[in-house]
Amino acid sequence: CPVKEAYPGDAYVDIVSMDIYLSN
């Protein structure tokens, strides 16, 4: 999830990621 206020914190995360579906 690329939303700053939602980030769980470094103590809970190993990898940060996004899902990207371009329209074209």
PDB file of all heavy atoms in Angstrom:
ATOM      1  N   CYS A   1       0.836  -1.199   0.000  1.00  0.00           N
ATOM      2  CA  CYS A   1       0.000   0.000   0.000  1.00  0.00           C
ATOM      3  C   CYS A   1       0.871   1.249   0.000  1.00  0.00           C
ATOM      4  O   CYS A   1       1.682   1.428   0.901  1.00  0.00           O
ATOM      5  CB  CYS A   1      -0.905  -0.008   1.231  1.00  0.00           C
ATOM      6  SG  CYS A   1      -1.882   1.480   1.466  1.00  0.00           S
ATOM      7  N   PRO A   2       0.690   2.138  -0.983  1.00  0.00           N
ATOM      8  CA  PRO A   2       1.514   3.353  -1.053  1.00  0.00           C
ATOM      9  C   PRO A   2       0.846   4.565  -0.403  1.00  0.00           C
ATOM     10  O   PRO A   2       0.761   5.639  -1.000  1.00  0.00           O
ATOM     11  CB  PRO A   2       1.664   3.546  -2.561  1.00  0.00           C
ATOM     12  CG  PRO A   2       0.366   3.077  -3.116  1.00  0.00           C
ATOM     13  CD  PRO A   2      -0.119   1.977  -2.209  1.00  0.00           C
ATOM     14  N   VAL A   3       0.352   4.384   0.829  1.00  0.00           N
ATOM     15  CA  VAL A   3      -0.306   5.477   1.550  1.00  0.00           C
ATOM     16  C   VAL A   3       0.458   5.712   2.857  1.00  0.00           C
ATOM     17  O   VAL A   3       0.541   4.822   3.706  1.00  0.00           O
ATOM     18  CB  VAL A   3      -1.785   5.154   1.848  1.00  0.00           C
ATOM     19  CG1 VAL A   3      -2.424   6.273   2.670  1.00  0.00           C
ATOM     20  CG2 VAL A   3      -2.559   4.943   0.542  1.00  0.00           C
ATOM     21  N   LYS A   4       0.991   6.904   3.014  1.00  0.00           N
ATOM     22  CA  LYS A   4       1.911   7.195   4.114  1.00  0.00           C
ATOM     23  C   LYS A   4       1.291   6.972   5.486  1.00  0.00           C
ATOM     24  O   LYS A   4       1.894   6.342   6.364  1.00  0.00           O
ATOM     25  CB  LYS A   4       2.406   8.634   3.993  1.00  0.00           C
ATOM     26  CG  LYS A   4       3.541   8.980   4.946  1.00  0.00           C
ATOM     27  CD  LYS A   4       4.161  10.318   4.614  1.00  0.00           C
ATOM     28  CE  LYS A   4       5.403  10.591   5.450  1.00  0.00           C
ATOM     29  NZ  LYS A   4       6.080  11.843   5.075  1.00  0.00           N
ATOM     30  N   GLU A   5       0.075   7.478   5.695  1.00  0.00           N
ATOM     31  CA  GLU A   5      -0.525   7.386   7.029  1.00  0.00           C
ATOM     32  C   GLU A   5      -0.904   5.955   7.402  1.00  0.00           C
ATOM     33  O   GLU A   5      -1.199   5.665   8.564  1.00  0.00           O
ATOM     34  CB  GLU A   5      -1.753   8.288   7.135  1.00  0.00           C
ATOM     35  CG  GLU A   5      -2.869   8.009   6.152  1.00  0.00           C
ATOM     36  CD  GLU A   5      -2.740   8.807   4.868  1.00  0.00           C
ATOM     37  OE1 GLU A   5      -1.612   9.203   4.513  1.00  0.00           O
ATOM     38  OE2 GLU A   5      -3.788   9.030   4.216  1.00  0.00           O
ATOM     39  N   ALA A   6      -0.884   5.037   6.431  1.00  0.00           N
ATOM     40  CA  ALA A   6      -1.261   3.650   6.696  1.00  0.00           C
ATOM     41  C   ALA A   6      -0.061   2.739   6.954  1.00  0.00           C
ATOM     42  O   ALA A   6      -0.244   1.598   7.377  1.00  0.00           O
ATOM     43  CB  ALA A   6      -2.080   3.100   5.532  1.00  0.00           C
ATOM     44  N   TYR A   7       1.148   3.223   6.709  1.00  0.00           N
ATOM     45  CA  TYR A   7       2.317   2.351   6.835  1.00  0.00           C
ATOM     46  C   TYR A   7       2.408   1.768   8.249  1.00  0.00           C
ATOM     47  O   TYR A   7       2.418   2.513   9.238  1.00  0.00           O
ATOM     48  CB  TYR A   7       3.589   3.125   6.492  1.00  0.00           C
ATOM     49  CG  TYR A   7       4.839   2.282   6.511  1.00  0.00           C
ATOM     50  CD1 TYR A   7       4.956   1.153   5.701  1.00  0.00           C
ATOM     51  CD2 TYR A   7       5.913   2.601   7.349  1.00  0.00           C
ATOM     52  CE1 TYR A   7       6.101   0.371   5.716  1.00  0.00           C
ATOM     53  CE2 TYR A   7       7.068   1.827   7.362  1.00  0.00           C
ATOM     54  CZ  TYR A   7       7.149   0.716   6.543  1.00  0.00           C
ATOM     55  OH  TYR A   7       8.294  -0.060   6.573  1.00  0.00           O
ATOM     56  N   PRO A   8       2.477   0.436   8.389  1.00  0.00           N
ATOM     57  CA  PRO A   8       2.476  -0.184   9.730  1.00  0.00           C
ATOM     58  C   PRO A   8       3.700   0.149  10.568  1.00  0.00           C
ATOM     59  O   PRO A   8       3.665   0.043  11.796  1.00  0.00           O
ATOM     60  CB  PRO A   8       2.435  -1.685   9.420  1.00  0.00           C
ATOM     61  CG  PRO A   8       1.938  -1.786   8.022  1.00  0.00           C
ATOM     62  CD  PRO A   8       2.438  -0.563   7.320  1.00  0.00           C
ATOM     63  N   GLY A   9       4.812   0.498   9.925  1.00  0.00           N
ATOM     64  CA  GLY A   9       6.053   0.768  10.636  1.00  0.00           C
ATOM     65  C   GLY A   9       7.113  -0.251  10.290  1.00  0.00           C
ATOM     66  O   GLY A   9       6.824  -1.410   9.983  1.00  0.00           O
ATOM     67  N   ASP A  10       8.352   0.174  10.349  1.00  0.00           N
ATOM     68  CA  ASP A  10       9.467  -0.697   9.958  1.00  0.00           C
ATOM     69  C   ASP A  10       9.540  -1.979  10.777  1.00  0.00           C
ATOM     70  O   ASP A  10      10.031  -3.000  10.294  1.00  0.00           O
ATOM     71  CB  ASP A  10      10.786   0.066  10.087  1.00  0.00           C
ATOM     72  CG  ASP A  10      11.020   1.040   8.944  1.00  0.00           C
ATOM     73  OD1 ASP A  10      10.166   1.132   8.034  1.00  0.00           O
ATOM     74  OD2 ASP A  10      12.063   1.727   8.961  1.00  0.00           O
ATOM     75  N   ALA A  11       9.047  -1.941  11.999  1.00  0.00           N
ATOM     76  CA  ALA A  11       9.119  -3.119  12.864  1.00  0.00           C
ATOM     77  C   ALA A  11       8.186  -4.243  12.406  1.00  0.00           C
ATOM     78  O   ALA A  11       8.292  -5.371  12.892  1.00  0.00           O
ATOM     79  CB  ALA A  11       8.770  -2.730  14.301  1.00  0.00           C
ATOM     80  N   TYR A  12       7.286  -3.932  11.462  1.00  0.00           N
ATOM     81  CA  TYR A  12       6.301  -4.917  11.012  1.00  0.00           C
ATOM     82  C   TYR A  12       6.460  -5.298   9.541  1.00  0.00           C
ATOM     83  O   TYR A  12       5.686  -6.102   9.032  1.00  0.00           O
ATOM     84  CB  TYR A  12       4.887  -4.367  11.215  1.00  0.00           C
ATOM     85  CG  TYR A  12       4.535  -4.109  12.662  1.00  0.00           C
ATOM     86  CD1 TYR A  12       4.833  -2.891  13.262  1.00  0.00           C
ATOM     87  CD2 TYR A  12       3.917  -5.086  13.436  1.00  0.00           C
ATOM     88  CE1 TYR A  12       4.518  -2.648  14.595  1.00  0.00           C
ATOM     89  CE2 TYR A  12       3.603  -4.859  14.761  1.00  0.00           C
ATOM     90  CZ  TYR A  12       3.909  -3.639  15.337  1.00  0.00           C
ATOM     91  OH  TYR A  12       3.606  -3.406  16.654  1.00  0.00           O
ATOM     92  N   VAL A  13       7.429  -4.728   8.872  1.00  0.00           N
ATOM     93  CA  VAL A  13       7.507  -4.871   7.410  1.00  0.00           C
ATOM     94  C   VAL A  13       8.909  -5.286   6.981  1.00  0.00           C
ATOM     95  O   VAL A  13       9.905  -4.773   7.497  1.00  0.00           O
ATOM     96  CB  VAL A  13       7.115  -3.540   6.724  1.00  0.00           C
ATOM     97  CG1 VAL A  13       7.345  -3.621   5.219  1.00  0.00           C
ATOM     98  CG2 VAL A  13       5.668  -3.172   7.035  1.00  0.00           C
ATOM     99  N   ASP A  14       8.955  -6.218   6.013  1.00  0.00           N
ATOM    100  CA  ASP A  14      10.224  -6.596   5.392  1.00  0.00           C
ATOM    101  C   ASP A  14      10.361  -6.001   3.993  1.00  0.00           C
ATOM    102  O   ASP A  14      11.434  -5.553   3.611  1.00  0.00           O
ATOM    103  CB  ASP A  14      10.332  -8.121   5.290  1.00  0.00           C
ATOM    104  CG  ASP A  14      10.455  -8.788   6.643  1.00  0.00           C
ATOM    105  OD1 ASP A  14      11.304  -8.352   7.451  1.00  0.00           O
ATOM    106  OD2 ASP A  14       9.694  -9.742   6.913  1.00  0.00           O
ATOM    107  N   ILE A  15       9.271  -6.035   3.239  1.00  0.00           N
ATOM    108  CA  ILE A  15       9.272  -5.552   1.857  1.00  0.00           C
ATOM    109  C   ILE A  15       8.100  -4.604   1.658  1.00  0.00           C
ATOM    110  O   ILE A  15       6.983  -4.877   2.117  1.00  0.00           O
ATOM    111  CB  ILE A  15       9.172  -6.730   0.864  1.00  0.00           C
ATOM    112  CG1 ILE A  15      10.442  -7.582   0.932  1.00  0.00           C
ATOM    113  CG2 ILE A  15       8.928  -6.247  -0.563  1.00  0.00           C
ATOM    114  CD1 ILE A  15      10.392  -8.831   0.078  1.00  0.00           C
ATOM    115  N   VAL A  16       8.350  -3.484   1.000  1.00  0.00           N
ATOM    116  CA  VAL A  16       7.269  -2.568   0.625  1.00  0.00           C
ATOM    117  C   VAL A  16       6.972  -2.801  -0.853  1.00  0.00           C
ATOM    118  O   VAL A  16       7.881  -3.058  -1.654  1.00  0.00           O
ATOM    119  CB  VAL A  16       7.640  -1.095   0.890  1.00  0.00           C
ATOM    120  CG1 VAL A  16       7.781  -0.855   2.388  1.00  0.00           C
ATOM    121  CG2 VAL A  16       8.913  -0.685   0.164  1.00  0.00           C
ATOM    122  N   SER A  17       5.696  -2.730  -1.208  1.00  0.00           N
ATOM    123  CA  SER A  17       5.331  -3.100  -2.575  1.00  0.00           C
ATOM    124  C   SER A  17       4.117  -2.328  -3.052  1.00  0.00           C
ATOM    125  O   SER A  17       3.370  -1.732  -2.269  1.00  0.00           O
ATOM    126  CB  SER A  17       5.057  -4.603  -2.654  1.00  0.00           C
ATOM    127  OG  SER A  17       3.858  -4.933  -1.977  1.00  0.00           O
ATOM    128  N   MET A  18       3.931  -2.375  -4.375  1.00  0.00           N
ATOM    129  CA  MET A  18       2.770  -1.777  -5.025  1.00  0.00           C
ATOM    130  C   MET A  18       2.209  -2.752  -6.049  1.00  0.00           C
ATOM    131  O   MET A  18       2.932  -3.586  -6.589  1.00  0.00           O
ATOM    132  CB  MET A  18       3.154  -0.485  -5.769  1.00  0.00           C
ATOM    133  CG  MET A  18       3.471   0.701  -4.915  1.00  0.00           C
ATOM    134  SD  MET A  18       3.884   2.160  -5.930  1.00  0.00           S
ATOM    135  CE  MET A  18       2.262   2.601  -6.597  1.00  0.00           C
ATOM    136  N   ASP A  19       0.913  -2.623  -6.310  1.00  0.00           N
ATOM    137  CA  ASP A  19       0.278  -3.281  -7.443  1.00  0.00           C
ATOM    138  C   ASP A  19      -0.020  -2.191  -8.463  1.00  0.00           C
ATOM    139  O   ASP A  19      -0.642  -1.176  -8.119  1.00  0.00           O
ATOM    140  CB  ASP A  19      -1.020  -3.965  -7.025  1.00  0.00           C
ATOM    141  CG  ASP A  19      -0.791  -5.157  -6.100  1.00  0.00           C
ATOM    142  OD1 ASP A  19       0.381  -5.418  -5.760  1.00  0.00           O
ATOM    143  OD2 ASP A  19      -1.777  -5.807  -5.726  1.00  0.00           O
ATOM    144  N   ILE A  20       0.396  -2.395  -9.706  1.00  0.00           N
ATOM    145  CA  ILE A  20       0.240  -1.361 -10.730  1.00  0.00           C
ATOM    146  C   ILE A  20      -0.397  -1.960 -11.978  1.00  0.00           C
ATOM    147  O   ILE A  20       0.154  -2.885 -12.589  1.00  0.00           O
ATOM    148  CB  ILE A  20       1.595  -0.716 -11.106  1.00  0.00           C
ATOM    149  CG1 ILE A  20       2.295  -0.173  -9.857  1.00  0.00           C
ATOM    150  CG2 ILE A  20       1.388   0.392 -12.136  1.00  0.00           C
ATOM    151  CD1 ILE A  20       3.708   0.331 -10.112  1.00  0.00           C
ATOM    152  N   TYR A  21      -1.562  -1.418 -12.338  1.00  0.00           N
ATOM    153  CA  TYR A  21      -2.256  -1.817 -13.556  1.00  0.00           C
ATOM    154  C   TYR A  21      -2.501  -0.571 -14.396  1.00  0.00           C
ATOM    155  O   TYR A  21      -3.428   0.196 -14.132  1.00  0.00           O
ATOM    156  CB  TYR A  21      -3.577  -2.518 -13.215  1.00  0.00           C
ATOM    157  CG  TYR A  21      -3.372  -3.893 -12.617  1.00  0.00           C
ATOM    158  CD1 TYR A  21      -3.229  -4.061 -11.243  1.00  0.00           C
ATOM    159  CD2 TYR A  21      -3.300  -5.016 -13.425  1.00  0.00           C
ATOM    160  CE1 TYR A  21      -3.020  -5.316 -10.692  1.00  0.00           C
ATOM    161  CE2 TYR A  21      -3.102  -6.285 -12.886  1.00  0.00           C
ATOM    162  CZ  TYR A  21      -2.955  -6.428 -11.517  1.00  0.00           C
ATOM    163  OH  TYR A  21      -2.751  -7.674 -10.978  1.00  0.00           O
ATOM    164  N   LEU A  22      -1.655  -0.353 -15.369  1.00  0.00           N
ATOM    165  CA  LEU A  22      -1.794   0.793 -16.255  1.00  0.00           C
ATOM    166  C   LEU A  22      -2.975   0.575 -17.195  1.00  0.00           C
ATOM    167  O   LEU A  22      -3.250  -0.550 -17.616  1.00  0.00           O
ATOM    168  CB  LEU A  22      -0.520   0.986 -17.078  1.00  0.00           C
ATOM    169  CG  LEU A  22       0.784   1.197 -16.294  1.00  0.00           C
ATOM    170  CD1 LEU A  22       1.969   1.261 -17.260  1.00  0.00           C
ATOM    171  CD2 LEU A  22       0.718   2.453 -15.452  1.00  0.00           C
ATOM    172  N   SER A  23      -3.670   1.652 -17.520  1.00  0.00           N
ATOM    173  CA  SER A  23      -4.827   1.532 -18.413  1.00  0.00           C
ATOM    174  C   SER A  23      -4.405   1.206 -19.841  1.00  0.00           C
ATOM    175  O   SER A  23      -5.144   0.566 -20.593  1.00  0.00           O
ATOM    176  CB  SER A  23      -5.646   2.826 -18.390  1.00  0.00           C
ATOM    177  OG  SER A  23      -4.833   3.941 -18.711  1.00  0.00           O
ATOM    178  N   ASN A  24      -3.207   1.632 -20.207  1.00  0.00           N
ATOM    179  CA  ASN A  24      -2.657   1.334 -21.528  1.00  0.00           C
ATOM    180  C   ASN A  24      -1.166   1.042 -21.395  1.00  0.00           C
ATOM    181  O   ASN A  24      -0.509   1.526 -20.468  1.00  0.00           O
ATOM    182  CB  ASN A  24      -2.853   2.503 -22.492  1.00  0.00           C
ATOM    183  CG  ASN A  24      -4.318   2.777 -22.772  1.00  0.00           C
ATOM    184  OD1 ASN A  24      -4.996   1.981 -23.420  1.00  0.00           O
ATOM    185  ND2 ASN A  24      -4.812   3.902 -22.274  1.00  0.00           N
TER     186      ASN A  24
END
